[in-house]
Amino acid sequence: EWRRLERGVKQRARALNAFLYDVYHRAEIIRAVVIFFAMVHTVLSSQNGPADPYTEDRTLSFHPGDS
């Protein structure tokens, strides 16, 4: 059961990372109006994202103390 959980967590992390990469780089999801720019901007501007998301290999990261 733990292996199944691990696969699910990894899959969701890859999906979220792909979403964040698209938002920070290509913005295809915004141009296709799958999600509105104002919504993305509001959420991301309230978070402590990477210092320079354009140079990060991975946008999704976890830090000690994240809740």
N, C-alpha and C. Protein backbone atom coordinates (compact mmCIF):
# COMPACT_ATOMS: atom_id res chain seq x y z
N GLU A 1 0.82 -1.19 0.00
CA GLU A 1 0.00 0.00 0.00
C GLU A 1 0.87 1.27 0.00
N TRP A 2 2.02 1.23 0.68
CA TRP A 2 2.89 2.40 0.70
C TRP A 2 3.44 2.71 -0.69
N ARG A 3 3.72 1.66 -1.47
CA ARG A 3 4.23 1.88 -2.84
C ARG A 3 3.18 2.58 -3.70
N ARG A 4 1.94 2.19 -3.52
CA ARG A 4 0.85 2.83 -4.26
C ARG A 4 0.74 4.30 -3.87
N LEU A 5 0.82 4.57 -2.58
CA LEU A 5 0.78 5.95 -2.10
C LEU A 5 1.96 6.75 -2.65
N GLU A 6 3.15 6.14 -2.63
CA GLU A 6 4.34 6.80 -3.16
C GLU A 6 4.16 7.15 -4.64
N ARG A 7 3.66 6.22 -5.42
CA ARG A 7 3.43 6.49 -6.85
C ARG A 7 2.45 7.64 -7.05
N GLY A 8 1.39 7.66 -6.24
CA GLY A 8 0.41 8.74 -6.34
C GLY A 8 0.98 10.10 -5.99
N VAL A 9 1.77 10.14 -4.93
CA VAL A 9 2.38 11.41 -4.52
C VAL A 9 3.36 11.89 -5.59
N LYS A 10 4.17 10.98 -6.12
CA LYS A 10 5.12 11.36 -7.18
C LYS A 10 4.40 11.86 -8.42
N GLN A 11 3.31 11.19 -8.79
CA GLN A 11 2.54 11.60 -9.97
C GLN A 11 1.98 13.00 -9.78
N ARG A 12 1.43 13.26 -8.62
CA ARG A 12 0.85 14.58 -8.35
C ARG A 12 1.92 15.66 -8.27
N ALA A 13 3.08 15.33 -7.74
CA ALA A 13 4.19 16.29 -7.70
C ALA A 13 4.65 16.62 -9.12
N ARG A 14 4.74 15.61 -9.99
CA ARG A 14 5.12 15.87 -11.39
C ARG A 14 4.08 16.74 -12.08
N ALA A 15 2.80 16.45 -11.84
CA ALA A 15 1.74 17.25 -12.47
C ALA A 15 1.77 18.69 -11.98
N LEU A 16 1.94 18.89 -10.68
CA LEU A 16 2.00 20.24 -10.13
C LEU A 16 3.23 20.98 -10.64
N ASN A 17 4.36 20.29 -10.72
CA ASN A 17 5.58 20.91 -11.23
C ASN A 17 5.40 21.30 -12.69
N ALA A 18 4.77 20.46 -13.49
CA ALA A 18 4.52 20.79 -14.90
C ALA A 18 3.60 22.01 -15.01
N PHE A 19 2.59 22.08 -14.16
CA PHE A 19 1.70 23.23 -14.15
C PHE A 19 2.46 24.50 -13.81
N LEU A 20 3.25 24.46 -12.73
CA LEU A 20 4.00 25.65 -12.31
C LEU A 20 5.03 26.05 -13.37
N TYR A 21 5.69 25.07 -13.98
CA TYR A 21 6.66 25.38 -15.04
C TYR A 21 5.96 26.10 -16.18
N ASP A 22 4.78 25.61 -16.55
CA ASP A 22 4.03 26.26 -17.63
C ASP A 22 3.65 27.68 -17.26
N VAL A 23 3.18 27.88 -16.04
CA VAL A 23 2.78 29.22 -15.59
C VAL A 23 3.96 30.18 -15.64
N TYR A 24 5.13 29.73 -15.18
CA TYR A 24 6.31 30.60 -15.12
C TYR A 24 7.00 30.78 -16.47
N HIS A 25 6.79 29.88 -17.41
CA HIS A 25 7.54 29.93 -18.67
C HIS A 25 6.65 30.13 -19.89
N ARG A 26 5.96 29.10 -20.32
CA ARG A 26 5.20 29.17 -21.58
C ARG A 26 3.84 29.83 -21.43
N ALA A 27 3.23 29.68 -20.29
CA ALA A 27 1.90 30.24 -20.00
C ALA A 27 0.82 29.76 -20.96
N GLU A 28 0.99 28.55 -21.49
CA GLU A 28 -0.02 27.99 -22.41
C GLU A 28 -1.36 27.81 -21.71
N ILE A 29 -1.33 27.42 -20.45
CA ILE A 29 -2.58 27.19 -19.72
C ILE A 29 -3.36 28.49 -19.55
N ILE A 30 -2.65 29.61 -19.44
CA ILE A 30 -3.31 30.91 -19.31
C ILE A 30 -3.81 31.38 -20.67
N ARG A 31 -2.99 31.23 -21.72
CA ARG A 31 -3.42 31.64 -23.07
C ARG A 31 -4.64 30.85 -23.53
N ALA A 32 -4.72 29.59 -23.13
CA ALA A 32 -5.87 28.75 -23.51
C ALA A 32 -7.08 29.02 -22.61
N VAL A 33 -6.93 29.91 -21.66
CA VAL A 33 -7.96 30.30 -20.69
C VAL A 33 -8.50 29.06 -19.96
N VAL A 34 -7.60 28.12 -19.69
CA VAL A 34 -7.97 26.99 -18.83
C VAL A 34 -8.05 27.50 -17.40
N ILE A 35 -7.19 28.46 -17.10
CA ILE A 35 -7.18 29.11 -15.79
C ILE A 35 -6.90 30.59 -16.02
N PHE A 36 -7.50 31.45 -15.25
CA PHE A 36 -7.35 32.88 -15.46
C PHE A 36 -6.08 33.42 -14.84
N PHE A 37 -5.42 34.34 -15.55
CA PHE A 37 -4.17 34.94 -15.08
C PHE A 37 -4.34 35.57 -13.70
N ALA A 38 -5.43 36.29 -13.48
CA ALA A 38 -5.64 36.97 -12.20
C ALA A 38 -5.63 35.97 -11.05
N MET A 39 -6.21 34.81 -11.27
CA MET A 39 -6.24 33.78 -10.24
C MET A 39 -4.84 33.26 -9.95
N VAL A 40 -4.10 32.96 -11.01
CA VAL A 40 -2.72 32.47 -10.85
C VAL A 40 -1.87 33.53 -10.17
N HIS A 41 -1.96 34.77 -10.63
CA HIS A 41 -1.15 35.85 -10.08
C HIS A 41 -1.45 36.06 -8.59
N THR A 42 -2.72 36.03 -8.22
CA THR A 42 -3.11 36.23 -6.82
C THR A 42 -2.52 35.15 -5.93
N VAL A 43 -2.63 33.91 -6.37
CA VAL A 43 -2.13 32.80 -5.55
C VAL A 43 -0.61 32.82 -5.47
N LEU A 44 0.06 32.96 -6.62
CA LEU A 44 1.52 32.91 -6.62
C LEU A 44 2.16 34.12 -5.95
N SER A 45 1.55 35.27 -6.05
CA SER A 45 2.14 36.45 -5.44
C SER A 45 2.03 36.42 -3.92
N SER A 46 1.14 35.60 -3.39
CA SER A 46 1.00 35.50 -1.94
C SER A 46 1.89 34.41 -1.36
N GLN A 47 2.59 33.68 -2.22
CA GLN A 47 3.45 32.58 -1.78
C GLN A 47 4.91 33.01 -1.83
N ASN A 48 5.74 32.30 -1.10
CA ASN A 48 7.18 32.51 -1.20
C ASN A 48 7.72 31.53 -2.22
N GLY A 49 7.66 31.91 -3.48
CA GLY A 49 8.14 31.06 -4.56
C GLY A 49 9.64 31.16 -4.71
N PRO A 50 10.18 30.53 -5.74
CA PRO A 50 11.62 30.60 -5.97
C PRO A 50 12.05 32.05 -6.19
N ALA A 51 13.27 32.37 -5.79
CA ALA A 51 13.78 33.74 -5.94
C ALA A 51 13.72 34.18 -7.40
N ASP A 52 14.12 33.32 -8.29
CA ASP A 52 14.05 33.62 -9.72
C ASP A 52 13.48 32.40 -10.42
N PRO A 53 12.16 32.32 -10.58
CA PRO A 53 11.54 31.11 -11.14
C PRO A 53 11.97 30.82 -12.57
N TYR A 54 12.53 31.79 -13.26
CA TYR A 54 12.92 31.57 -14.64
C TYR A 54 14.22 30.79 -14.76
N THR A 55 14.98 30.66 -13.69
CA THR A 55 16.23 29.93 -13.74
C THR A 55 16.18 28.63 -12.96
N GLU A 56 15.11 28.37 -12.26
CA GLU A 56 14.98 27.16 -11.47
C GLU A 56 14.69 25.96 -12.37
N ASP A 57 15.34 24.82 -12.10
CA ASP A 57 15.01 23.59 -12.81
C ASP A 57 13.65 23.07 -12.40
N ARG A 58 13.38 23.15 -11.11
CA ARG A 58 12.11 22.68 -10.59
C ARG A 58 11.44 23.83 -9.86
N THR A 59 10.23 24.09 -10.20
CA THR A 59 9.49 25.16 -9.53
C THR A 59 8.93 24.67 -8.20
N LEU A 60 8.51 23.42 -8.17
CA LEU A 60 7.94 22.84 -6.96
C LEU A 60 9.07 22.39 -6.05
N SER A 61 9.09 22.86 -4.83
CA SER A 61 10.08 22.41 -3.86
C SER A 61 9.46 22.43 -2.47
N PHE A 62 10.02 21.62 -1.61
CA PHE A 62 9.54 21.53 -0.24
C PHE A 62 10.67 21.95 0.68
N HIS A 63 10.33 22.63 1.75
CA HIS A 63 11.33 23.10 2.69
C HIS A 63 10.92 22.67 4.09
N PRO A 64 11.91 22.44 4.97
CA PRO A 64 11.56 22.10 6.36
C PRO A 64 10.66 23.19 6.94
N GLY A 65 9.65 22.79 7.61
CA GLY A 65 8.74 23.74 8.23
C GLY A 65 7.54 24.09 7.37
N ASP A 66 7.51 23.59 6.11
CA ASP A 66 6.32 23.82 5.29
C ASP A 66 5.14 23.13 5.94
N SER A 67 4.00 23.79 5.89
CA SER A 67 2.81 23.15 6.46
C SER A 67 1.72 23.08 5.44
